[in-house]
Amino acid sequence: MEQCEEGAKKLIPSGYVSQGLNALRTHDKALKHLIEQRRLPERGWSELDIERCVNELSAMDTNNFTGNVGGGEREGRVYSALVSRRHYHLAHGMGRSGDIAANQPKV
């Protein structure tokens, strides 16, 4: 975020850059709180915040790493870009253990 601040200020007025960064920080704090507390917030999120959260989580999915082609039993394979977007690029399945959180590959 901050690494782009100076470049952004060369393109648009610094006041707008500051407002934008504050909005991003607010979202980041809400996401951090959700992860740390492991419960839904008292005040519901906007649709935009929910979508941003799911998109950030899907960016951490190994299926979505640039240049990564998984071939394991749990890697998702989605032919249709429309379906992939609809599901926020999340396509993992369950491994043989039945535990989606189990480490892969099995040893």
PDB file of N, CA and C in Angstrom:
ATOM      1  N   MET A   1       0.827  -1.192   0.000  1.00  0.00           N
ATOM      2  CA  MET A   1       0.000   0.000   0.000  1.00  0.00           C
ATOM      3  C   MET A   1       0.870   1.254   0.000  1.00  0.00           C
ATOM      4  N   GLU A   2       1.615   1.433   1.077  1.00  0.00           N
ATOM      5  CA  GLU A   2       2.404   2.661   1.210  1.00  0.00           C
ATOM      6  C   GLU A   2       3.479   2.779   0.133  1.00  0.00           C
ATOM      7  N   GLN A   3       3.962   1.627  -0.389  1.00  0.00           N
ATOM      8  CA  GLN A   3       5.009   1.680  -1.400  1.00  0.00           C
ATOM      9  C   GLN A   3       4.517   2.356  -2.678  1.00  0.00           C
ATOM     10  N   CYS A   4       3.222   2.405  -2.892  1.00  0.00           N
ATOM     11  CA  CYS A   4       2.656   3.043  -4.087  1.00  0.00           C
ATOM     12  C   CYS A   4       2.256   4.495  -3.821  1.00  0.00           C
ATOM     13  N   GLU A   5       2.328   4.908  -2.575  1.00  0.00           N
ATOM     14  CA  GLU A   5       1.824   6.223  -2.192  1.00  0.00           C
ATOM     15  C   GLU A   5       2.495   7.354  -2.968  1.00  0.00           C
ATOM     16  N   GLU A   6       3.809   7.361  -3.022  1.00  0.00           N
ATOM     17  CA  GLU A   6       4.518   8.456  -3.697  1.00  0.00           C
ATOM     18  C   GLU A   6       4.202   8.489  -5.188  1.00  0.00           C
ATOM     19  N   GLY A   7       4.164   7.325  -5.808  1.00  0.00           N
ATOM     20  CA  GLY A   7       3.826   7.267  -7.232  1.00  0.00           C
ATOM     21  C   GLY A   7       2.414   7.742  -7.490  1.00  0.00           C
ATOM     22  N   ALA A   8       1.493   7.359  -6.604  1.00  0.00           N
ATOM     23  CA  ALA A   8       0.096   7.771  -6.760  1.00  0.00           C
ATOM     24  C   ALA A   8      -0.045   9.286  -6.618  1.00  0.00           C
ATOM     25  N   LYS A   9       0.737   9.875  -5.714  1.00  0.00           N
ATOM     26  CA  LYS A   9       0.659  11.327  -5.500  1.00  0.00           C
ATOM     27  C   LYS A   9       1.142  12.106  -6.723  1.00  0.00           C
ATOM     28  N   LYS A  10       1.909  11.453  -7.591  1.00  0.00           N
ATOM     29  CA  LYS A  10       2.341  12.115  -8.836  1.00  0.00           C
ATOM     30  C   LYS A  10       1.231  12.112  -9.874  1.00  0.00           C
ATOM     31  N   LEU A  11       0.245  11.236  -9.671  1.00  0.00           N
ATOM     32  CA  LEU A  11      -0.845  11.106 -10.639  1.00  0.00           C
ATOM     33  C   LEU A  11      -2.113  11.835 -10.212  1.00  0.00           C
ATOM     34  N   ILE A  12      -2.405  11.809  -8.917  1.00  0.00           N
ATOM     35  CA  ILE A  12      -3.635  12.439  -8.400  1.00  0.00           C
ATOM     36  C   ILE A  12      -3.299  13.237  -7.139  1.00  0.00           C
ATOM     37  N   PRO A  13      -4.172  14.168  -6.758  1.00  0.00           N
ATOM     38  CA  PRO A  13      -3.908  14.995  -5.577  1.00  0.00           C
ATOM     39  C   PRO A  13      -3.673  14.143  -4.320  1.00  0.00           C
ATOM     40  N   SER A  14      -2.736  14.570  -3.493  1.00  0.00           N
ATOM     41  CA  SER A  14      -2.335  13.800  -2.314  1.00  0.00           C
ATOM     42  C   SER A  14      -3.497  13.576  -1.342  1.00  0.00           C
ATOM     43  N   GLY A  15      -4.453  14.494  -1.297  1.00  0.00           N
ATOM     44  CA  GLY A  15      -5.605  14.312  -0.410  1.00  0.00           C
ATOM     45  C   GLY A  15      -6.409  13.065  -0.768  1.00  0.00           C
ATOM     46  N   TYR A  16      -6.565  12.830  -2.068  1.00  0.00           N
ATOM     47  CA  TYR A  16      -7.290  11.635  -2.511  1.00  0.00           C
ATOM     48  C   TYR A  16      -6.500  10.362  -2.200  1.00  0.00           C
ATOM     49  N   VAL A  17      -5.188  10.457  -2.345  1.00  0.00           N
ATOM     50  CA  VAL A  17      -4.342   9.302  -2.031  1.00  0.00           C
ATOM     51  C   VAL A  17      -4.472   8.972  -0.547  1.00  0.00           C
ATOM     52  N   SER A  18      -4.426   9.975   0.307  1.00  0.00           N
ATOM     53  CA  SER A  18      -4.558   9.760   1.757  1.00  0.00           C
ATOM     54  C   SER A  18      -5.903   9.150   2.110  1.00  0.00           C
ATOM     55  N   GLN A  19      -6.975   9.660   1.506  1.00  0.00           N
ATOM     56  CA  GLN A  19      -8.303   9.098   1.762  1.00  0.00           C
ATOM     57  C   GLN A  19      -8.375   7.634   1.336  1.00  0.00           C
ATOM     58  N   GLY A  20      -7.820   7.336   0.179  1.00  0.00           N
ATOM     59  CA  GLY A  20      -7.825   5.964  -0.315  1.00  0.00           C
ATOM     60  C   GLY A  20      -7.039   5.032   0.593  1.00  0.00           C
ATOM     61  N   LEU A  21      -5.861   5.474   1.026  1.00  0.00           N
ATOM     62  CA  LEU A  21      -5.053   4.649   1.928  1.00  0.00           C
ATOM     63  C   LEU A  21      -5.754   4.431   3.263  1.00  0.00           C
ATOM     64  N   ASN A  22      -6.436   5.453   3.758  1.00  0.00           N
ATOM     65  CA  ASN A  22      -7.184   5.296   5.014  1.00  0.00           C
ATOM     66  C   ASN A  22      -8.293   4.263   4.858  1.00  0.00           C
ATOM     67  N   ALA A  23      -8.976   4.277   3.711  1.00  0.00           N
ATOM     68  CA  ALA A  23     -10.034   3.295   3.469  1.00  0.00           C
ATOM     69  C   ALA A  23      -9.448   1.882   3.428  1.00  0.00           C
ATOM     70  N   LEU A  24      -8.289   1.718   2.768  1.00  0.00           N
ATOM     71  CA  LEU A  24      -7.646   0.400   2.714  1.00  0.00           C
ATOM     72  C   LEU A  24      -7.209  -0.065   4.098  1.00  0.00           C
ATOM     73  N   ARG A  25      -6.663   0.842   4.888  1.00  0.00           N
ATOM     74  CA  ARG A  25      -6.232   0.489   6.253  1.00  0.00           C
ATOM     75  C   ARG A  25      -7.429   0.060   7.107  1.00  0.00           C
ATOM     76  N   THR A  26      -8.550   0.759   6.946  1.00  0.00           N
ATOM     77  CA  THR A  26      -9.754   0.403   7.702  1.00  0.00           C
ATOM     78  C   THR A  26     -10.192  -1.006   7.353  1.00  0.00           C
ATOM     79  N   HIS A  27     -10.190  -1.336   6.065  1.00  0.00           N
ATOM     80  CA  HIS A  27     -10.552  -2.696   5.647  1.00  0.00           C
ATOM     81  C   HIS A  27      -9.559  -3.707   6.207  1.00  0.00           C
ATOM     82  N   ASP A  28      -8.268  -3.394   6.128  1.00  0.00           N
ATOM     83  CA  ASP A  28      -7.241  -4.319   6.629  1.00  0.00           C
ATOM     84  C   ASP A  28      -7.420  -4.577   8.118  1.00  0.00           C
ATOM     85  N   LYS A  29      -7.757  -3.534   8.882  1.00  0.00           N
ATOM     86  CA  LYS A  29      -7.981  -3.703  10.328  1.00  0.00           C
ATOM     87  C   LYS A  29      -9.188  -4.606  10.583  1.00  0.00           C
ATOM     88  N   ALA A  30     -10.242  -4.427   9.788  1.00  0.00           N
ATOM     89  CA  ALA A  30     -11.440  -5.255   9.955  1.00  0.00           C
ATOM     90  C   ALA A  30     -11.130  -6.725   9.642  1.00  0.00           C
ATOM     91  N   LEU A  31     -10.358  -6.966   8.591  1.00  0.00           N
ATOM     92  CA  LEU A  31      -9.980  -8.331   8.233  1.00  0.00           C
ATOM     93  C   LEU A  31      -9.094  -8.945   9.311  1.00  0.00           C
ATOM     94  N   LYS A  32      -8.149  -8.167   9.813  1.00  0.00           N
ATOM     95  CA  LYS A  32      -7.270  -8.642  10.887  1.00  0.00           C
ATOM     96  C   LYS A  32      -8.095  -9.001  12.125  1.00  0.00           C
ATOM     97  N   HIS A  33      -9.049  -8.157  12.455  1.00  0.00           N
ATOM     98  CA  HIS A  33      -9.916  -8.412  13.606  1.00  0.00           C
ATOM     99  C   HIS A  33     -10.719  -9.700  13.407  1.00  0.00           C
ATOM    100  N   LEU A  34     -11.247  -9.890  12.198  1.00  0.00           N
ATOM    101  CA  LEU A  34     -12.015 -11.103  11.896  1.00  0.00           C
ATOM    102  C   LEU A  34     -11.150 -12.350  12.098  1.00  0.00           C
ATOM    103  N   ILE A  35      -9.936 -12.304  11.579  1.00  0.00           N
ATOM    104  CA  ILE A  35      -9.044 -13.460  11.680  1.00  0.00           C
ATOM    105  C   ILE A  35      -8.613 -13.699  13.130  1.00  0.00           C
ATOM    106  N   GLU A  36      -8.278 -12.631  13.843  1.00  0.00           N
ATOM    107  CA  GLU A  36      -7.822 -12.780  15.230  1.00  0.00           C
ATOM    108  C   GLU A  36      -8.939 -13.236  16.160  1.00  0.00           C
ATOM    109  N   GLN A  37     -10.136 -12.687  15.983  1.00  0.00           N
ATOM    110  CA  GLN A  37     -11.257 -13.006  16.879  1.00  0.00           C
ATOM    111  C   GLN A  37     -11.984 -14.285  16.484  1.00  0.00           C
ATOM    112  N   ARG A  38     -11.831 -14.681  15.207  1.00  0.00           N
ATOM    113  CA  ARG A  38     -12.473 -15.886  14.680  1.00  0.00           C
ATOM    114  C   ARG A  38     -13.989 -15.857  14.870  1.00  0.00           C
ATOM    115  N   ARG A  39     -14.554 -14.672  14.662  1.00  0.00           N
ATOM    116  CA  ARG A  39     -16.010 -14.523  14.736  1.00  0.00           C
ATOM    117  C   ARG A  39     -16.449 -13.336  13.890  1.00  0.00           C
ATOM    118  N   LEU A  40     -17.700 -13.364  13.508  1.00  0.00           N
ATOM    119  CA  LEU A  40     -18.242 -12.282  12.695  1.00  0.00           C
ATOM    120  C   LEU A  40     -18.289 -10.992  13.508  1.00  0.00           C
ATOM    121  N   PRO A  41     -18.102  -9.858  12.854  1.00  0.00           N
ATOM    122  CA  PRO A  41     -18.138  -8.581  13.577  1.00  0.00           C
ATOM    123  C   PRO A  41     -19.555  -8.228  14.029  1.00  0.00           C
ATOM    124  N   GLU A  42     -19.639  -7.416  15.050  1.00  0.00           N
ATOM    125  CA  GLU A  42     -20.947  -6.964  15.551  1.00  0.00           C
ATOM    126  C   GLU A  42     -21.693  -6.205  14.460  1.00  0.00           C
ATOM    127  N   ARG A  43     -20.985  -5.355  13.759  1.00  0.00           N
ATOM    128  CA  ARG A  43     -21.579  -4.560  12.683  1.00  0.00           C
ATOM    129  C   ARG A  43     -21.202  -5.214  11.358  1.00  0.00           C
ATOM    130  N   GLY A  44     -22.190  -5.559  10.568  1.00  0.00           N
ATOM    131  CA  GLY A  44     -21.947  -6.257   9.317  1.00  0.00           C
ATOM    132  C   GLY A  44     -21.111  -5.458   8.329  1.00  0.00           C
ATOM    133  N   TRP A  45     -20.427  -6.178   7.449  1.00  0.00           N
ATOM    134  CA  TRP A  45     -19.603  -5.556   6.424  1.00  0.00           C
ATOM    135  C   TRP A  45     -20.447  -5.242   5.195  1.00  0.00           C
ATOM    136  N   SER A  46     -19.961  -4.307   4.409  1.00  0.00           N
ATOM    137  CA  SER A  46     -20.597  -4.014   3.128  1.00  0.00           C
ATOM    138  C   SER A  46     -20.284  -5.154   2.154  1.00  0.00           C
ATOM    139  N   GLU A  47     -21.046  -5.228   1.088  1.00  0.00           N
ATOM    140  CA  GLU A  47     -20.785  -6.233   0.056  1.00  0.00           C
ATOM    141  C   GLU A  47     -19.365  -6.090  -0.499  1.00  0.00           C
ATOM    142  N   LEU A  48     -18.939  -4.860  -0.702  1.00  0.00           N
ATOM    143  CA  LEU A  48     -17.601  -4.592  -1.225  1.00  0.00           C
ATOM    144  C   LEU A  48     -16.525  -5.143  -0.280  1.00  0.00           C
ATOM    145  N   ASP A  49     -16.699  -4.936   1.020  1.00  0.00           N
ATOM    146  CA  ASP A  49     -15.728  -5.449   1.996  1.00  0.00           C
ATOM    147  C   ASP A  49     -15.712  -6.970   2.023  1.00  0.00           C
ATOM    148  N   ILE A  50     -16.876  -7.583   1.907  1.00  0.00           N
ATOM    149  CA  ILE A  50     -16.949  -9.052   1.894  1.00  0.00           C
ATOM    150  C   ILE A  50     -16.236  -9.597   0.659  1.00  0.00           C
ATOM    151  N   GLU A  51     -16.513  -9.001  -0.498  1.00  0.00           N
ATOM    152  CA  GLU A  51     -15.866  -9.454  -1.727  1.00  0.00           C
ATOM    153  C   GLU A  51     -14.365  -9.243  -1.675  1.00  0.00           C
ATOM    154  N   ARG A  52     -13.929  -8.126  -1.130  1.00  0.00           N
ATOM    155  CA  ARG A  52     -12.487  -7.873  -1.030  1.00  0.00           C
ATOM    156  C   ARG A  52     -11.834  -8.917  -0.128  1.00  0.00           C
ATOM    157  N   CYS A  53     -12.481  -9.252   0.967  1.00  0.00           N
ATOM    158  CA  CYS A  53     -11.969 -10.262   1.893  1.00  0.00           C
ATOM    159  C   CYS A  53     -11.815 -11.610   1.193  1.00  0.00           C
ATOM    160  N   VAL A  54     -12.857 -12.050   0.505  1.00  0.00           N
ATOM    161  CA  VAL A  54     -12.815 -13.353  -0.168  1.00  0.00           C
ATOM    162  C   VAL A  54     -11.765 -13.335  -1.286  1.00  0.00           C
ATOM    163  N   ASN A  55     -11.649 -12.221  -2.009  1.00  0.00           N
ATOM    164  CA  ASN A  55     -10.634 -12.120  -3.054  1.00  0.00           C
ATOM    165  C   ASN A  55      -9.221 -12.185  -2.474  1.00  0.00           C
ATOM    166  N   GLU A  56      -9.009 -11.546  -1.331  1.00  0.00           N
ATOM    167  CA  GLU A  56      -7.689 -11.603  -0.692  1.00  0.00           C
ATOM    168  C   GLU A  56      -7.371 -13.023  -0.233  1.00  0.00           C
ATOM    169  N   LEU A  57      -8.357 -13.695   0.322  1.00  0.00           N
ATOM    170  CA  LEU A  57      -8.137 -15.076   0.752  1.00  0.00           C
ATOM    171  C   LEU A  57      -7.860 -15.979  -0.445  1.00  0.00           C
ATOM    172  N   SER A  58      -8.581 -15.780  -1.546  1.00  0.00           N
ATOM    173  CA  SER A  58      -8.358 -16.631  -2.716  1.00  0.00           C
ATOM    174  C   SER A  58      -6.992 -16.361  -3.349  1.00  0.00           C
ATOM    175  N   ALA A  59      -6.467 -15.150  -3.199  1.00  0.00           N
ATOM    176  CA  ALA A  59      -5.132 -14.848  -3.720  1.00  0.00           C
ATOM    177  C   ALA A  59      -4.056 -15.642  -2.976  1.00  0.00           C
ATOM    178  N   MET A  60      -4.372 -16.108  -1.772  1.00  0.00           N
ATOM    179  CA  MET A  60      -3.424 -16.903  -0.985  1.00  0.00           C
ATOM    180  C   MET A  60      -3.559 -18.398  -1.250  1.00  0.00           C
ATOM    181  N   ASP A  61      -4.531 -18.781  -2.076  1.00  0.00           N
ATOM    182  CA  ASP A  61      -4.742 -20.179  -2.426  1.00  0.00           C
ATOM    183  C   ASP A  61      -3.676 -20.600  -3.431  1.00  0.00           C
ATOM    184  N   THR A  62      -3.012 -21.709  -3.177  1.00  0.00           N
ATOM    185  CA  THR A  62      -1.933 -22.148  -4.062  1.00  0.00           C
ATOM    186  C   THR A  62      -2.412 -22.370  -5.489  1.00  0.00           C
ATOM    187  N   ASN A  63      -3.686 -22.646  -5.688  1.00  0.00           N
ATOM    188  CA  ASN A  63      -4.212 -22.774  -7.057  1.00  0.00           C
ATOM    189  C   ASN A  63      -4.022 -21.483  -7.832  1.00  0.00           C
ATOM    190  N   ASN A  64      -3.989 -20.370  -7.135  1.00  0.00           N
ATOM    191  CA  ASN A  64      -3.970 -19.066  -7.787  1.00  0.00           C
ATOM    192  C   ASN A  64      -2.604 -18.412  -7.822  1.00  0.00           C
ATOM    193  N   PHE A  65      -1.554 -19.113  -7.426  1.00  0.00           N
ATOM    194  CA  PHE A  65      -0.215 -18.549  -7.499  1.00  0.00           C
ATOM    195  C   PHE A  65       0.194 -18.441  -8.966  1.00  0.00           C
ATOM    196  N   THR A  66       0.796 -17.328  -9.335  1.00  0.00           N
ATOM    197  CA  THR A  66       1.242 -17.119 -10.706  1.00  0.00           C
ATOM    198  C   THR A  66       2.267 -18.183 -11.087  1.00  0.00           C
ATOM    199  N   GLY A  67       2.047 -18.815 -12.211  1.00  0.00           N
ATOM    200  CA  GLY A  67       2.985 -19.814 -12.704  1.00  0.00           C
ATOM    201  C   GLY A  67       2.888 -21.164 -12.037  1.00  0.00           C
ATOM    202  N   ASN A  68       1.950 -21.336 -11.119  1.00  0.00           N
ATOM    203  CA  ASN A  68       1.812 -22.610 -10.405  1.00  0.00           C
ATOM    204  C   ASN A  68       0.770 -23.480 -11.107  1.00  0.00           C
ATOM    205  N   VAL A  69       1.142 -24.705 -11.382  1.00  0.00           N
ATOM    206  CA  VAL A  69       0.199 -25.661 -11.954  1.00  0.00           C
ATOM    207  C   VAL A  69       0.190 -26.857 -11.023  1.00  0.00           C
ATOM    208  N   GLY A  70      -0.843 -26.954 -10.198  1.00  0.00           N
ATOM    209  CA  GLY A  70      -0.929 -28.055  -9.249  1.00  0.00           C
ATOM    210  C   GLY A  70      -1.460 -29.311  -9.901  1.00  0.00           C
ATOM    211  N   GLY A  71      -0.976 -30.426  -9.451  1.00  0.00           N
ATOM    212  CA  GLY A  71      -1.439 -31.687 -10.014  1.00  0.00           C
ATOM    213  C   GLY A  71      -1.897 -32.659  -8.955  1.00  0.00           C
ATOM    214  N   GLY A  72      -2.064 -32.188  -7.739  1.00  0.00           N
ATOM    215  CA  GLY A  72      -2.474 -33.065  -6.650  1.00  0.00           C
ATOM    216  C   GLY A  72      -3.963 -33.342  -6.656  1.00  0.00           C
ATOM    217  N   GLU A  73      -4.371 -34.146  -5.712  1.00  0.00           N
ATOM    218  CA  GLU A  73      -5.782 -34.551  -5.659  1.00  0.00           C
ATOM    219  C   GLU A  73      -6.711 -33.423  -5.246  1.00  0.00           C
ATOM    220  N   ARG A  74      -6.198 -32.405  -4.564  1.00  0.00           N
ATOM    221  CA  ARG A  74      -7.071 -31.345  -4.084  1.00  0.00           C
ATOM    222  C   ARG A  74      -7.046 -30.088  -4.943  1.00  0.00           C
ATOM    223  N   GLU A  75      -6.123 -29.979  -5.873  1.00  0.00           N
ATOM    224  CA  GLU A  75      -6.057 -28.777  -6.698  1.00  0.00           C
ATOM    225  C   GLU A  75      -7.307 -28.673  -7.562  1.00  0.00           C
ATOM    226  N   GLY A  76      -7.824 -27.466  -7.625  1.00  0.00           N
ATOM    227  CA  GLY A  76      -9.026 -27.256  -8.420  1.00  0.00           C
ATOM    228  C   GLY A  76      -8.707 -27.097  -9.885  1.00  0.00           C
ATOM    229  N   ARG A  77      -9.569 -27.585 -10.718  1.00  0.00           N
ATOM    230  CA  ARG A  77      -9.450 -27.412 -12.154  1.00  0.00           C
ATOM    231  C   ARG A  77     -10.793 -26.908 -12.663  1.00  0.00           C
ATOM    232  N   VAL A  78     -10.813 -25.655 -13.090  1.00  0.00           N
ATOM    233  CA  VAL A  78     -12.054 -25.048 -13.559  1.00  0.00           C
ATOM    234  C   VAL A  78     -11.818 -24.559 -14.977  1.00  0.00           C
ATOM    235  N   TYR A  79     -12.571 -25.081 -15.911  1.00  0.00           N
ATOM    236  CA  TYR A  79     -12.405 -24.729 -17.321  1.00  0.00           C
ATOM    237  C   TYR A  79     -12.976 -23.348 -17.629  1.00  0.00           C
ATOM    238  N   SER A  80     -14.100 -23.031 -17.061  1.00  0.00           N
ATOM    239  CA  SER A  80     -14.815 -21.803 -17.398  1.00  0.00           C
ATOM    240  C   SER A  80     -14.361 -20.630 -16.526  1.00  0.00           C
ATOM    241  N   ALA A  81     -13.913 -19.557 -17.175  1.00  0.00           N
ATOM    242  CA  ALA A  81     -13.525 -18.354 -16.438  1.00  0.00           C
ATOM    243  C   ALA A  81     -14.718 -17.759 -15.701  1.00  0.00           C
ATOM    244  N   LEU A  82     -15.898 -17.876 -16.280  1.00  0.00           N
ATOM    245  CA  LEU A  82     -17.113 -17.375 -15.645  1.00  0.00           C
ATOM    246  C   LEU A  82     -17.358 -18.087 -14.319  1.00  0.00           C
ATOM    247  N   VAL A  83     -17.240 -19.408 -14.324  1.00  0.00           N
ATOM    248  CA  VAL A  83     -17.443 -20.190 -13.102  1.00  0.00           C
ATOM    249  C   VAL A  83     -16.344 -19.875 -12.084  1.00  0.00           C
ATOM    250  N   SER A  84     -15.128 -19.736 -12.556  1.00  0.00           N
ATOM    251  CA  SER A  84     -14.012 -19.411 -11.669  1.00  0.00           C
ATOM    252  C   SER A  84     -14.245 -18.074 -10.963  1.00  0.00           C
ATOM    253  N   ARG A  85     -14.663 -17.063 -11.709  1.00  0.00           N
ATOM    254  CA  ARG A  85     -14.946 -15.747 -11.100  1.00  0.00           C
ATOM    255  C   ARG A  85     -16.112 -15.833 -10.135  1.00  0.00           C
ATOM    256  N   ARG A  86     -17.134 -16.586 -10.515  1.00  0.00           N
ATOM    257  CA  ARG A  86     -18.321 -16.713  -9.661  1.00  0.00           C
ATOM    258  C   ARG A  86     -17.959 -17.279  -8.291  1.00  0.00           C
ATOM    259  N   HIS A  87     -16.955 -18.133  -8.270  1.00  0.00           N
ATOM    260  CA  HIS A  87     -16.541 -18.777  -7.021  1.00  0.00           C
ATOM    261  C   HIS A  87     -15.255 -18.172  -6.478  1.00  0.00           C
ATOM    262  N   TYR A  88     -14.972 -16.934  -6.908  1.00  0.00           N
ATOM    263  CA  TYR A  88     -13.824 -16.180  -6.417  1.00  0.00           C
ATOM    264  C   TYR A  88     -12.521 -16.949  -6.568  1.00  0.00           C
ATOM    265  N   HIS A  89     -12.424 -17.764  -7.598  1.00  0.00           N
ATOM    266  CA  HIS A  89     -11.216 -18.515  -7.934  1.00  0.00           C
ATOM    267  C   HIS A  89     -10.834 -19.531  -6.859  1.00  0.00           C
ATOM    268  N   LEU A  90     -11.802 -19.928  -6.062  1.00  0.00           N
ATOM    269  CA  LEU A  90     -11.567 -20.958  -5.046  1.00  0.00           C
ATOM    270  C   LEU A  90     -12.100 -22.282  -5.576  1.00  0.00           C
ATOM    271  N   ALA A  91     -11.237 -23.297  -5.629  1.00  0.00           N
ATOM    272  CA  ALA A  91     -11.670 -24.557  -6.225  1.00  0.00           C
ATOM    273  C   ALA A  91     -11.061 -25.777  -5.537  1.00  0.00           C
ATOM    274  N   HIS A  92     -10.537 -25.616  -4.342  1.00  0.00           N
ATOM    275  CA  HIS A  92      -9.926 -26.762  -3.669  1.00  0.00           C
ATOM    276  C   HIS A  92     -10.975 -27.781  -3.263  1.00  0.00           C
ATOM    277  N   GLY A  93     -10.570 -29.021  -3.280  1.00  0.00           N
ATOM    278  CA  GLY A  93     -11.431 -30.106  -2.823  1.00  0.00           C
ATOM    279  C   GLY A  93     -10.875 -30.712  -1.544  1.00  0.00           C
ATOM    280  N   MET A  94     -11.471 -31.791  -1.126  1.00  0.00           N
ATOM    281  CA  MET A  94     -11.028 -32.492   0.080  1.00  0.00           C
ATOM    282  C   MET A  94     -10.056 -33.587  -0.308  1.00  0.00           C
ATOM    283  N   GLY A  95      -9.057 -33.776   0.489  1.00  0.00           N
ATOM    284  CA  GLY A  95      -8.120 -34.874   0.288  1.00  0.00           C
ATOM    285  C   GLY A  95      -8.687 -36.162   0.853  1.00  0.00           C
ATOM    286  N   ARG A  96      -7.903 -37.205   0.770  1.00  0.00           N
ATOM    287  CA  ARG A  96      -8.354 -38.514   1.258  1.00  0.00           C
ATOM    288  C   ARG A  96      -8.675 -38.503   2.745  1.00  0.00           C
ATOM    289  N   SER A  97      -8.013 -37.618   3.486  1.00  0.00           N
ATOM    290  CA  SER A  97      -8.237 -37.586   4.932  1.00  0.00           C
ATOM    291  C   SER A  97      -9.609 -37.018   5.282  1.00  0.00           C
ATOM    292  N   GLY A  98     -10.224 -36.295   4.346  1.00  0.00           N
ATOM    293  CA  GLY A  98     -11.506 -35.649   4.620  1.00  0.00           C
ATOM    294  C   GLY A  98     -11.345 -34.336   5.367  1.00  0.00           C
ATOM    295  N   ASP A  99     -10.103 -33.889   5.552  1.00  0.00           N
ATOM    296  CA  ASP A  99      -9.822 -32.647   6.281  1.00  0.00           C
ATOM    297  C   ASP A  99      -9.251 -31.634   5.306  1.00  0.00           C
ATOM    298  N   ILE A 100     -10.022 -30.595   4.990  1.00  0.00           N
ATOM    299  CA  ILE A 100      -9.562 -29.596   4.007  1.00  0.00           C
ATOM    300  C   ILE A 100      -8.367 -28.826   4.521  1.00  0.00           C
ATOM    301  N   ALA A 101      -8.148 -28.799   5.833  1.00  0.00           N
ATOM    302  CA  ALA A 101      -7.028 -28.075   6.399  1.00  0.00           C
ATOM    303  C   ALA A 101      -5.767 -28.925   6.528  1.00  0.00           C
ATOM    304  N   ALA A 102      -5.843 -30.202   6.171  1.00  0.00           N
ATOM    305  CA  ALA A 102      -4.681 -31.082   6.293  1.00  0.00           C
ATOM    306  C   ALA A 102      -3.579 -30.653   5.348  1.00  0.00           C
ATOM    307  N   ASN A 103      -2.334 -30.777   5.808  1.00  0.00           N
ATOM    308  CA  ASN A 103      -1.192 -30.418   4.977  1.00  0.00           C
ATOM    309  C   ASN A 103      -1.089 -31.351   3.781  1.00  0.00           C
ATOM    310  N   GLN A 104      -0.600 -30.784   2.682  1.00  0.00           N
ATOM    311  CA  GLN A 104      -0.350 -31.555   1.477  1.00  0.00           C
ATOM    312  C   GLN A 104       1.102 -31.317   1.077  1.00  0.00           C
ATOM    313  N   PRO A 105       1.793 -32.183   0.454  1.00  0.00           N
ATOM    314  CA  PRO A 105       1.358 -33.551   0.185  1.00  0.00           C
ATOM    315  C   PRO A 105       1.449 -34.420   1.430  1.00  0.00           C
ATOM    316  N   LYS A 106       0.740 -35.498   1.381  1.00  0.00           N
ATOM    317  CA  LYS A 106       0.768 -36.430   2.499  1.00  0.00           C
ATOM    318  C   LYS A 106       2.146 -37.086   2.556  1.00  0.00           C
ATOM    319  N   VAL A 107       2.608 -37.335   3.771  1.00  0.00           N
ATOM    320  CA  VAL A 107       3.916 -37.994   3.952  1.00  0.00           C
ATOM    321  C   VAL A 107       3.762 -39.407   4.421  1.00  0.00           C
TER     322      VAL A 107
END
